[in-house]
Amino acid sequence: MIKKATTLRLSTTFVPSVSLNLRRRLCESAAICRLSEIYSDLLEEKITPDRTLRLIHAQIAVFALLTCCNSSLVVLCALTVWAFGSIYAARR
């Protein structure tokens, strides 16, 4: 029996326009625009749809940190770094 080696060629080129396009489409969606208005009313300042996405990201990170309190120390450290990083990004 002869074994044949098979190789798979994977494309290693990353197309950043896909993620930028998705972010732009999310910022233009009606739900995010409405949520921006709600955040603007609550925070009493103008909140852009881009900042709304960053605020949502920070809320998800903090929620994940609070709900995974019984996890290992490595997971808690990773979640803490993620939460603080997303909060810092949302403040900008």
N, C-alpha and C. Protein backbone atom coordinates (compact mmCIF):
# COMPACT_ATOMS: atom_id res chain seq x y z
N MET A 1 0.84 -1.16 0.00
CA MET A 1 0.00 0.00 0.00
C MET A 1 0.89 1.23 0.00
N ILE A 2 0.62 2.15 -0.90
CA ILE A 2 1.42 3.37 -1.03
C ILE A 2 0.64 4.53 -0.44
N LYS A 3 1.32 5.26 0.44
CA LYS A 3 0.68 6.43 1.03
C LYS A 3 1.03 7.66 0.21
N LYS A 4 0.02 8.42 -0.09
CA LYS A 4 0.24 9.65 -0.83
C LYS A 4 0.05 10.83 0.12
N ALA A 5 0.97 11.74 0.04
CA ALA A 5 0.87 12.93 0.88
C ALA A 5 0.00 13.97 0.18
N THR A 6 -0.90 14.48 0.92
CA THR A 6 -1.76 15.54 0.37
C THR A 6 -1.48 16.83 1.10
N THR A 7 -1.38 17.86 0.35
CA THR A 7 -1.17 19.17 0.96
C THR A 7 -2.34 20.07 0.62
N LEU A 8 -2.70 20.84 1.57
CA LEU A 8 -3.78 21.80 1.36
C LEU A 8 -3.18 23.19 1.32
N ARG A 9 -3.58 23.92 0.37
CA ARG A 9 -3.10 25.30 0.29
C ARG A 9 -4.18 26.21 0.88
N LEU A 10 -3.78 26.94 1.88
CA LEU A 10 -4.69 27.87 2.51
C LEU A 10 -4.30 29.28 2.15
N SER A 11 -5.26 30.08 1.94
CA SER A 11 -4.99 31.48 1.64
C SER A 11 -4.67 32.19 2.95
N THR A 12 -3.53 32.82 3.00
CA THR A 12 -3.13 33.51 4.23
C THR A 12 -3.34 35.02 4.12
N THR A 13 -3.97 35.44 3.05
CA THR A 13 -4.20 36.87 2.92
C THR A 13 -5.47 37.25 3.66
N PHE A 14 -5.36 38.24 4.51
CA PHE A 14 -6.49 38.74 5.26
C PHE A 14 -7.03 39.98 4.57
N VAL A 15 -8.31 40.01 4.38
CA VAL A 15 -8.92 41.15 3.72
C VAL A 15 -9.58 42.03 4.78
N PRO A 16 -8.93 43.12 5.18
CA PRO A 16 -9.51 43.95 6.23
C PRO A 16 -10.76 44.68 5.79
N SER A 17 -10.97 44.78 4.49
CA SER A 17 -12.16 45.50 4.02
C SER A 17 -13.44 44.76 4.40
N VAL A 18 -13.36 43.44 4.60
CA VAL A 18 -14.55 42.68 4.99
C VAL A 18 -14.99 43.09 6.38
N SER A 19 -14.06 43.15 7.34
CA SER A 19 -14.44 43.54 8.69
C SER A 19 -14.82 45.01 8.76
N LEU A 20 -14.16 45.86 7.98
CA LEU A 20 -14.53 47.26 7.96
C LEU A 20 -15.90 47.45 7.33
N ASN A 21 -16.20 46.65 6.31
CA ASN A 21 -17.50 46.72 5.67
C ASN A 21 -18.59 46.29 6.65
N LEU A 22 -18.35 45.25 7.42
CA LEU A 22 -19.31 44.78 8.40
C LEU A 22 -19.54 45.84 9.47
N ARG A 23 -18.45 46.44 9.95
CA ARG A 23 -18.59 47.48 10.97
C ARG A 23 -19.37 48.68 10.43
N ARG A 24 -19.09 49.06 9.19
CA ARG A 24 -19.80 50.18 8.57
C ARG A 24 -21.28 49.86 8.41
N ARG A 25 -21.58 48.64 8.00
CA ARG A 25 -22.98 48.24 7.84
C ARG A 25 -23.70 48.18 9.17
N LEU A 26 -22.99 47.74 10.23
CA LEU A 26 -23.60 47.74 11.56
C LEU A 26 -23.89 49.16 12.04
N CYS A 27 -22.94 50.06 11.78
CA CYS A 27 -23.13 51.45 12.22
C CYS A 27 -24.29 52.12 11.48
N GLU A 28 -24.58 51.67 10.27
CA GLU A 28 -25.67 52.24 9.50
C GLU A 28 -27.01 51.56 9.75
N SER A 29 -27.03 50.49 10.53
CA SER A 29 -28.29 49.78 10.75
C SER A 29 -29.22 50.60 11.64
N ALA A 30 -30.51 50.38 11.46
CA ALA A 30 -31.51 51.14 12.19
C ALA A 30 -31.48 50.82 13.69
N ALA A 31 -31.20 49.58 14.03
CA ALA A 31 -31.18 49.19 15.44
C ALA A 31 -30.04 49.88 16.20
N ILE A 32 -28.86 49.93 15.60
CA ILE A 32 -27.72 50.59 16.25
C ILE A 32 -27.95 52.10 16.33
N CYS A 33 -28.54 52.67 15.29
CA CYS A 33 -28.83 54.12 15.32
C CYS A 33 -29.84 54.43 16.42
N ARG A 34 -30.85 53.59 16.57
CA ARG A 34 -31.83 53.80 17.65
C ARG A 34 -31.17 53.61 19.01
N LEU A 35 -30.32 52.63 19.14
CA LEU A 35 -29.62 52.41 20.39
C LEU A 35 -28.69 53.59 20.70
N SER A 36 -28.11 54.19 19.68
CA SER A 36 -27.27 55.38 19.87
C SER A 36 -28.09 56.52 20.46
N GLU A 37 -29.32 56.66 19.98
CA GLU A 37 -30.20 57.69 20.52
C GLU A 37 -30.53 57.43 21.99
N ILE A 38 -30.75 56.17 22.33
CA ILE A 38 -31.05 55.82 23.73
C ILE A 38 -29.84 56.10 24.61
N TYR A 39 -28.64 55.70 24.16
CA TYR A 39 -27.43 56.00 24.92
C TYR A 39 -27.22 57.51 25.04
N SER A 40 -27.52 58.26 23.99
CA SER A 40 -27.37 59.71 24.04
C SER A 40 -28.31 60.32 25.08
N ASP A 41 -29.53 59.81 25.16
CA ASP A 41 -30.47 60.31 26.16
C ASP A 41 -30.01 59.96 27.57
N LEU A 42 -29.52 58.74 27.75
CA LEU A 42 -29.09 58.31 29.09
C LEU A 42 -27.83 59.02 29.56
N LEU A 43 -26.87 59.18 28.67
CA LEU A 43 -25.58 59.78 29.04
C LEU A 43 -25.55 61.30 28.87
N GLU A 44 -26.62 61.85 28.28
CA GLU A 44 -26.76 63.29 28.06
C GLU A 44 -25.60 63.88 27.26
N GLU A 45 -25.16 63.14 26.27
CA GLU A 45 -24.17 63.62 25.30
C GLU A 45 -24.38 62.86 24.01
N LYS A 46 -23.86 63.40 22.93
CA LYS A 46 -24.03 62.76 21.62
C LYS A 46 -23.18 61.50 21.53
N ILE A 47 -23.83 60.39 21.25
CA ILE A 47 -23.15 59.10 21.11
C ILE A 47 -23.28 58.65 19.66
N THR A 48 -22.15 58.39 19.03
CA THR A 48 -22.15 57.94 17.64
C THR A 48 -22.43 56.44 17.58
N PRO A 49 -22.86 55.94 16.43
CA PRO A 49 -23.07 54.50 16.30
C PRO A 49 -21.78 53.69 16.52
N ASP A 50 -20.63 54.24 16.13
CA ASP A 50 -19.37 53.54 16.37
C ASP A 50 -19.09 53.41 17.87
N ARG A 51 -19.34 54.47 18.61
CA ARG A 51 -19.14 54.41 20.07
C ARG A 51 -20.17 53.48 20.71
N THR A 52 -21.36 53.41 20.12
CA THR A 52 -22.38 52.49 20.63
C THR A 52 -21.90 51.05 20.52
N LEU A 53 -21.26 50.71 19.41
CA LEU A 53 -20.71 49.36 19.27
C LEU A 53 -19.63 49.09 20.31
N ARG A 54 -18.81 50.09 20.61
CA ARG A 54 -17.78 49.91 21.64
C ARG A 54 -18.40 49.77 23.02
N LEU A 55 -19.49 50.49 23.30
CA LEU A 55 -20.17 50.36 24.58
C LEU A 55 -20.81 48.98 24.73
N ILE A 56 -21.40 48.48 23.66
CA ILE A 56 -21.97 47.13 23.68
C ILE A 56 -20.88 46.10 23.93
N HIS A 57 -19.73 46.27 23.27
CA HIS A 57 -18.61 45.35 23.47
C HIS A 57 -18.15 45.36 24.92
N ALA A 58 -18.07 46.54 25.53
CA ALA A 58 -17.66 46.64 26.94
C ALA A 58 -18.69 45.98 27.85
N GLN A 59 -19.96 46.14 27.57
CA GLN A 59 -20.99 45.52 28.39
C GLN A 59 -20.93 44.00 28.30
N ILE A 60 -20.68 43.48 27.11
CA ILE A 60 -20.58 42.03 26.95
C ILE A 60 -19.36 41.50 27.70
N ALA A 61 -18.25 42.23 27.64
CA ALA A 61 -17.03 41.79 28.33
C ALA A 61 -17.22 41.78 29.83
N VAL A 62 -17.85 42.80 30.38
CA VAL A 62 -18.09 42.85 31.83
C VAL A 62 -19.08 41.77 32.24
N PHE A 63 -20.11 41.55 31.43
CA PHE A 63 -21.07 40.49 31.72
C PHE A 63 -20.39 39.11 31.74
N ALA A 64 -19.50 38.88 30.78
CA ALA A 64 -18.78 37.60 30.73
C ALA A 64 -17.89 37.44 31.96
N LEU A 65 -17.27 38.53 32.39
CA LEU A 65 -16.42 38.47 33.58
C LEU A 65 -17.24 38.15 34.82
N LEU A 66 -18.41 38.76 34.94
CA LEU A 66 -19.24 38.54 36.12
C LEU A 66 -19.89 37.17 36.14
N THR A 67 -20.23 36.63 35.00
CA THR A 67 -20.91 35.33 34.97
C THR A 67 -19.94 34.15 35.05
N CYS A 68 -18.68 34.37 34.76
CA CYS A 68 -17.70 33.27 34.81
C CYS A 68 -16.84 33.37 36.06
N CYS A 69 -17.44 33.70 37.19
CA CYS A 69 -16.65 33.92 38.40
C CYS A 69 -16.12 32.62 39.00
N ASN A 70 -16.64 31.47 38.61
CA ASN A 70 -16.16 30.19 39.15
C ASN A 70 -15.15 29.51 38.24
N SER A 71 -14.62 30.24 37.29
CA SER A 71 -13.67 29.67 36.34
C SER A 71 -12.26 29.64 36.92
N SER A 72 -11.34 29.11 36.14
CA SER A 72 -9.96 29.04 36.58
C SER A 72 -9.33 30.43 36.59
N LEU A 73 -8.19 30.53 37.21
CA LEU A 73 -7.51 31.81 37.34
C LEU A 73 -7.07 32.36 35.98
N VAL A 74 -6.67 31.49 35.09
CA VAL A 74 -6.23 31.93 33.76
C VAL A 74 -7.41 32.54 32.99
N VAL A 75 -8.57 31.90 33.06
CA VAL A 75 -9.75 32.41 32.39
C VAL A 75 -10.17 33.75 32.99
N LEU A 76 -10.13 33.84 34.31
CA LEU A 76 -10.50 35.10 34.96
C LEU A 76 -9.54 36.22 34.59
N CYS A 77 -8.26 35.93 34.50
CA CYS A 77 -7.30 36.95 34.10
C CYS A 77 -7.54 37.40 32.66
N ALA A 78 -7.81 36.45 31.78
CA ALA A 78 -8.09 36.80 30.38
C ALA A 78 -9.36 37.63 30.26
N LEU A 79 -10.40 37.26 31.00
CA LEU A 79 -11.64 38.02 30.97
C LEU A 79 -11.47 39.41 31.56
N THR A 80 -10.64 39.52 32.60
CA THR A 80 -10.38 40.82 33.20
C THR A 80 -9.64 41.74 32.24
N VAL A 81 -8.65 41.22 31.55
CA VAL A 81 -7.91 42.01 30.57
C VAL A 81 -8.85 42.43 29.44
N TRP A 82 -9.68 41.51 28.99
CA TRP A 82 -10.64 41.83 27.93
C TRP A 82 -11.61 42.92 28.39
N ALA A 83 -12.12 42.79 29.61
CA ALA A 83 -13.08 43.77 30.11
C ALA A 83 -12.45 45.16 30.25
N PHE A 84 -11.26 45.23 30.86
CA PHE A 84 -10.61 46.53 31.01
C PHE A 84 -10.21 47.13 29.66
N GLY A 85 -9.78 46.29 28.73
CA GLY A 85 -9.44 46.79 27.40
C GLY A 85 -10.65 47.34 26.66
N SER A 86 -11.76 46.66 26.78
CA SER A 86 -12.96 47.14 26.08
C SER A 86 -13.54 48.38 26.76
N ILE A 87 -13.42 48.48 28.08
CA ILE A 87 -13.86 49.70 28.78
C ILE A 87 -12.99 50.87 28.38
N TYR A 88 -11.69 50.64 28.30
CA TYR A 88 -10.78 51.71 27.87
C TYR A 88 -11.10 52.17 26.45
N ALA A 89 -11.40 51.21 25.57
CA ALA A 89 -11.74 51.57 24.19
C ALA A 89 -13.06 52.32 24.11
N ALA A 90 -14.01 51.97 24.97
CA ALA A 90 -15.30 52.65 24.96
C ALA A 90 -15.22 54.07 25.49
N ARG A 91 -14.25 54.35 26.34
CA ARG A 91 -14.10 55.69 26.89
C ARG A 91 -13.54 56.67 25.88
N ARG A 92 -12.80 56.17 24.88
CA ARG A 92 -12.22 57.06 23.88
C ARG A 92 -13.28 57.63 22.99
